[in-house]
Amino acid sequence: MFVELNDNNFENETNNGLKLVDFYTTWCKYCQNEENVLKELSDNGFWIGKLDCDKYPEIAKKYGISGFPSFILFKEGKLAAQFAGYHTKSQLLNKLTSYL
């Protein structure tokens, strides 16, 4: 499931369960390539949140996001992992399943 995140729903959406948030920009080629990988994960039942950092720079700044794409994995509302750069489906699956 894809959820578009913003200032109004970010905290509530990431507050429980295992949530992977993609911090992206629309102009980033790596972000555009990552989109298909994230869609596959989402289609397989993983919750994926997407935050457009050009629209919501305050949230990106709060988490120290400086490169794109960047990811934060939240578990029960707490930051469990943070990583940046393009990742294959198997790389992301390995990260996600290690926190299940």
N, C-alpha and C. Protein backbone atom coordinates (compact mmCIF):
# COMPACT_ATOMS: atom_id res chain seq x y z
N MET A 1 0.84 -1.18 0.00
CA MET A 1 0.00 0.00 0.00
C MET A 1 0.88 1.24 0.00
N PHE A 2 0.62 2.15 -0.96
CA PHE A 2 1.31 3.44 -1.03
C PHE A 2 0.49 4.48 -0.27
N VAL A 3 1.15 5.27 0.53
CA VAL A 3 0.47 6.38 1.21
C VAL A 3 1.29 7.64 0.97
N GLU A 4 0.65 8.65 0.39
CA GLU A 4 1.32 9.94 0.21
C GLU A 4 1.31 10.65 1.56
N LEU A 5 2.49 10.99 2.02
CA LEU A 5 2.62 11.64 3.33
C LEU A 5 2.76 13.15 3.18
N ASN A 6 2.35 13.85 4.23
CA ASN A 6 2.44 15.30 4.24
C ASN A 6 2.53 15.79 5.68
N ASP A 7 2.51 17.09 5.87
CA ASP A 7 2.61 17.66 7.21
C ASP A 7 1.48 17.20 8.13
N ASN A 8 0.32 16.97 7.56
CA ASN A 8 -0.86 16.64 8.37
C ASN A 8 -0.94 15.18 8.79
N ASN A 9 -0.38 14.27 8.01
CA ASN A 9 -0.57 12.84 8.32
C ASN A 9 0.70 12.08 8.66
N PHE A 10 1.87 12.69 8.56
CA PHE A 10 3.13 11.97 8.72
C PHE A 10 3.22 11.25 10.06
N GLU A 11 3.05 11.96 11.15
CA GLU A 11 3.19 11.36 12.48
C GLU A 11 2.18 10.24 12.71
N ASN A 12 0.94 10.48 12.35
CA ASN A 12 -0.11 9.49 12.56
C ASN A 12 0.13 8.23 11.73
N GLU A 13 0.54 8.40 10.48
CA GLU A 13 0.73 7.25 9.59
C GLU A 13 1.94 6.40 9.98
N THR A 14 2.97 7.01 10.56
CA THR A 14 4.19 6.27 10.88
C THR A 14 4.24 5.82 12.34
N ASN A 15 3.17 5.98 13.06
CA ASN A 15 3.16 5.77 14.50
C ASN A 15 3.08 4.32 14.95
N ASN A 16 2.62 3.41 14.09
CA ASN A 16 2.52 2.00 14.53
C ASN A 16 2.87 1.06 13.38
N GLY A 17 3.25 -0.14 13.75
CA GLY A 17 3.62 -1.14 12.75
C GLY A 17 4.99 -0.88 12.15
N LEU A 18 5.27 -1.60 11.08
CA LEU A 18 6.53 -1.45 10.34
C LEU A 18 6.24 -0.62 9.10
N LYS A 19 6.86 0.55 9.01
CA LYS A 19 6.56 1.49 7.94
C LYS A 19 7.85 1.95 7.28
N LEU A 20 7.93 1.80 5.96
CA LEU A 20 9.07 2.28 5.19
C LEU A 20 8.66 3.58 4.51
N VAL A 21 9.41 4.65 4.79
CA VAL A 21 9.11 5.95 4.20
C VAL A 21 10.19 6.29 3.19
N ASP A 22 9.74 6.60 1.98
CA ASP A 22 10.61 7.01 0.88
C ASP A 22 10.60 8.54 0.84
N PHE A 23 11.74 9.15 1.09
CA PHE A 23 11.91 10.59 0.98
C PHE A 23 12.46 10.85 -0.42
N TYR A 24 11.67 11.51 -1.27
CA TYR A 24 12.03 11.64 -2.68
C TYR A 24 11.80 13.06 -3.19
N THR A 25 12.27 13.29 -4.42
CA THR A 25 11.92 14.50 -5.16
C THR A 25 11.49 14.06 -6.55
N THR A 26 10.68 14.86 -7.19
CA THR A 26 10.18 14.50 -8.51
C THR A 26 11.24 14.62 -9.59
N TRP A 27 12.27 15.43 -9.37
CA TRP A 27 13.31 15.65 -10.36
C TRP A 27 14.46 14.64 -10.28
N CYS A 28 14.49 13.81 -9.26
CA CYS A 28 15.58 12.86 -9.03
C CYS A 28 15.39 11.60 -9.88
N LYS A 29 16.34 11.32 -10.77
CA LYS A 29 16.26 10.13 -11.64
C LYS A 29 16.31 8.83 -10.83
N TYR A 30 17.12 8.80 -9.77
CA TYR A 30 17.19 7.59 -8.94
C TYR A 30 15.85 7.36 -8.25
N CYS A 31 15.22 8.43 -7.83
CA CYS A 31 13.89 8.31 -7.19
C CYS A 31 12.87 7.75 -8.19
N GLN A 32 12.94 8.22 -9.41
CA GLN A 32 12.02 7.75 -10.45
C GLN A 32 12.24 6.26 -10.71
N ASN A 33 13.49 5.82 -10.74
CA ASN A 33 13.79 4.40 -10.96
C ASN A 33 13.34 3.56 -9.76
N GLU A 34 13.44 4.11 -8.57
CA GLU A 34 13.07 3.38 -7.35
C GLU A 34 11.55 3.15 -7.28
N GLU A 35 10.80 3.96 -7.97
CA GLU A 35 9.34 3.89 -7.93
C GLU A 35 8.81 2.49 -8.26
N ASN A 36 9.36 1.85 -9.29
CA ASN A 36 8.90 0.51 -9.68
C ASN A 36 9.20 -0.53 -8.60
N VAL A 37 10.36 -0.42 -7.98
CA VAL A 37 10.74 -1.34 -6.91
C VAL A 37 9.76 -1.18 -5.74
N LEU A 38 9.48 0.06 -5.37
CA LEU A 38 8.58 0.32 -4.24
C LEU A 38 7.16 -0.15 -4.56
N LYS A 39 6.75 0.00 -5.80
CA LYS A 39 5.42 -0.47 -6.19
C LYS A 39 5.32 -1.99 -6.02
N GLU A 40 6.37 -2.71 -6.41
CA GLU A 40 6.38 -4.17 -6.24
C GLU A 40 6.27 -4.55 -4.77
N LEU A 41 7.02 -3.87 -3.92
CA LEU A 41 6.95 -4.15 -2.48
C LEU A 41 5.55 -3.85 -1.95
N SER A 42 5.00 -2.74 -2.37
CA SER A 42 3.67 -2.35 -1.94
C SER A 42 2.63 -3.39 -2.40
N ASP A 43 2.76 -3.85 -3.62
CA ASP A 43 1.83 -4.86 -4.16
C ASP A 43 1.94 -6.18 -3.40
N ASN A 44 3.08 -6.40 -2.73
CA ASN A 44 3.28 -7.62 -1.93
C ASN A 44 2.93 -7.42 -0.46
N GLY A 45 2.23 -6.34 -0.15
CA GLY A 45 1.70 -6.16 1.20
C GLY A 45 2.51 -5.28 2.14
N PHE A 46 3.62 -4.73 1.67
CA PHE A 46 4.39 -3.84 2.53
C PHE A 46 3.82 -2.43 2.46
N TRP A 47 3.78 -1.77 3.61
CA TRP A 47 3.32 -0.39 3.70
C TRP A 47 4.49 0.51 3.30
N ILE A 48 4.25 1.36 2.30
CA ILE A 48 5.26 2.29 1.81
C ILE A 48 4.67 3.70 1.87
N GLY A 49 5.33 4.57 2.60
CA GLY A 49 4.95 5.98 2.64
C GLY A 49 5.89 6.76 1.76
N LYS A 50 5.35 7.76 1.07
CA LYS A 50 6.16 8.58 0.17
C LYS A 50 6.01 10.04 0.58
N LEU A 51 7.15 10.70 0.76
CA LEU A 51 7.15 12.11 1.13
C LEU A 51 7.93 12.90 0.10
N ASP A 52 7.25 13.81 -0.58
CA ASP A 52 7.89 14.70 -1.55
C ASP A 52 8.63 15.79 -0.77
N CYS A 53 9.93 15.73 -0.79
CA CYS A 53 10.75 16.64 0.04
C CYS A 53 10.75 18.07 -0.48
N ASP A 54 10.38 18.28 -1.74
CA ASP A 54 10.25 19.65 -2.23
C ASP A 54 9.00 20.31 -1.66
N LYS A 55 7.96 19.53 -1.43
CA LYS A 55 6.72 20.07 -0.87
C LYS A 55 6.75 20.16 0.65
N TYR A 56 7.49 19.25 1.29
CA TYR A 56 7.50 19.18 2.76
C TYR A 56 8.94 19.13 3.29
N PRO A 57 9.70 20.20 3.04
CA PRO A 57 11.11 20.21 3.44
C PRO A 57 11.33 20.18 4.95
N GLU A 58 10.34 20.61 5.72
CA GLU A 58 10.50 20.63 7.19
C GLU A 58 10.65 19.22 7.74
N ILE A 59 9.88 18.28 7.21
CA ILE A 59 9.97 16.90 7.68
C ILE A 59 11.31 16.30 7.27
N ALA A 60 11.72 16.56 6.04
CA ALA A 60 13.02 16.06 5.57
C ALA A 60 14.15 16.61 6.44
N LYS A 61 14.06 17.86 6.77
CA LYS A 61 15.09 18.49 7.62
C LYS A 61 15.10 17.86 9.02
N LYS A 62 13.92 17.60 9.55
CA LYS A 62 13.81 17.00 10.88
C LYS A 62 14.57 15.68 10.97
N TYR A 63 14.56 14.91 9.88
CA TYR A 63 15.21 13.60 9.87
C TYR A 63 16.59 13.62 9.21
N GLY A 64 17.10 14.80 8.91
CA GLY A 64 18.44 14.92 8.36
C GLY A 64 18.61 14.40 6.94
N ILE A 65 17.54 14.47 6.15
CA ILE A 65 17.59 13.98 4.78
C ILE A 65 18.32 15.00 3.91
N SER A 66 19.36 14.54 3.22
CA SER A 66 20.11 15.45 2.36
C SER A 66 20.34 14.89 0.96
N GLY A 67 20.11 13.60 0.76
CA GLY A 67 20.26 12.97 -0.55
C GLY A 67 19.01 12.19 -0.90
N PHE A 68 18.84 11.92 -2.18
CA PHE A 68 17.62 11.26 -2.64
C PHE A 68 17.95 10.10 -3.56
N PRO A 69 17.17 9.02 -3.49
CA PRO A 69 16.15 8.80 -2.47
C PRO A 69 16.80 8.46 -1.13
N SER A 70 16.07 8.75 -0.08
CA SER A 70 16.46 8.34 1.28
C SER A 70 15.29 7.61 1.89
N PHE A 71 15.60 6.70 2.78
CA PHE A 71 14.57 5.88 3.40
C PHE A 71 14.72 5.88 4.90
N ILE A 72 13.58 5.87 5.57
CA ILE A 72 13.57 5.64 7.01
C ILE A 72 12.57 4.52 7.26
N LEU A 73 13.01 3.56 8.04
CA LEU A 73 12.16 2.46 8.46
C LEU A 73 11.74 2.73 9.89
N PHE A 74 10.45 2.89 10.09
CA PHE A 74 9.88 3.12 11.42
C PHE A 74 9.29 1.81 11.92
N LYS A 75 9.52 1.52 13.18
CA LYS A 75 8.89 0.36 13.82
C LYS A 75 8.21 0.88 15.07
N GLU A 76 6.90 0.76 15.10
CA GLU A 76 6.08 1.25 16.21
C GLU A 76 6.36 2.72 16.51
N GLY A 77 6.55 3.50 15.43
CA GLY A 77 6.74 4.94 15.57
C GLY A 77 8.16 5.39 15.87
N LYS A 78 9.06 4.44 16.05
CA LYS A 78 10.45 4.78 16.36
C LYS A 78 11.34 4.49 15.15
N LEU A 79 12.34 5.33 14.95
CA LEU A 79 13.27 5.14 13.85
C LEU A 79 14.07 3.87 14.08
N ALA A 80 13.93 2.91 13.16
CA ALA A 80 14.63 1.63 13.28
C ALA A 80 15.85 1.59 12.38
N ALA A 81 15.78 2.23 11.22
CA ALA A 81 16.90 2.23 10.27
C ALA A 81 16.75 3.42 9.34
N GLN A 82 17.89 3.89 8.86
CA GLN A 82 17.89 5.00 7.90
C GLN A 82 18.99 4.71 6.88
N PHE A 83 18.66 4.84 5.59
CA PHE A 83 19.63 4.57 4.54
C PHE A 83 19.27 5.38 3.31
N ALA A 84 20.24 5.59 2.44
CA ALA A 84 20.04 6.44 1.27
C ALA A 84 20.51 5.73 0.01
N GLY A 85 20.06 6.23 -1.13
CA GLY A 85 20.48 5.73 -2.42
C GLY A 85 19.52 4.71 -2.99
N TYR A 86 19.71 4.43 -4.27
CA TYR A 86 18.88 3.45 -4.96
C TYR A 86 19.14 2.06 -4.38
N HIS A 87 18.07 1.30 -4.18
CA HIS A 87 18.17 -0.07 -3.68
C HIS A 87 17.32 -0.99 -4.55
N THR A 88 17.83 -2.19 -4.79
CA THR A 88 17.06 -3.18 -5.53
C THR A 88 15.95 -3.74 -4.62
N LYS A 89 15.05 -4.47 -5.22
CA LYS A 89 13.97 -5.08 -4.46
C LYS A 89 14.52 -6.02 -3.39
N SER A 90 15.50 -6.83 -3.74
CA SER A 90 16.04 -7.78 -2.75
C SER A 90 16.76 -7.05 -1.62
N GLN A 91 17.44 -5.96 -1.91
CA GLN A 91 18.10 -5.19 -0.85
C GLN A 91 17.07 -4.62 0.12
N LEU A 92 16.00 -4.06 -0.42
CA LEU A 92 14.96 -3.50 0.45
C LEU A 92 14.24 -4.60 1.23
N LEU A 93 13.98 -5.73 0.58
CA LEU A 93 13.33 -6.85 1.27
C LEU A 93 14.18 -7.34 2.43
N ASN A 94 15.48 -7.44 2.23
CA ASN A 94 16.38 -7.86 3.30
C ASN A 94 16.30 -6.91 4.49
N LYS A 95 16.28 -5.63 4.22
CA LYS A 95 16.20 -4.64 5.31
C LYS A 95 14.85 -4.76 6.03
N LEU A 96 13.77 -4.86 5.26
CA LEU A 96 12.44 -4.94 5.86
C LEU A 96 12.27 -6.21 6.68
N THR A 97 12.64 -7.34 6.13
CA THR A 97 12.41 -8.60 6.84
C THR A 97 13.28 -8.75 8.08
N SER A 98 14.39 -8.06 8.14
CA SER A 98 15.21 -8.14 9.34
C SER A 98 14.55 -7.45 10.53
N TYR A 99 13.51 -6.66 10.27
CA TYR A 99 12.79 -5.96 11.36
C TYR A 99 11.40 -6.54 11.62
N LEU A 100 11.04 -7.59 10.91
CA LEU A 100 9.71 -8.21 11.13
C LEU A 100 9.70 -9.00 12.43
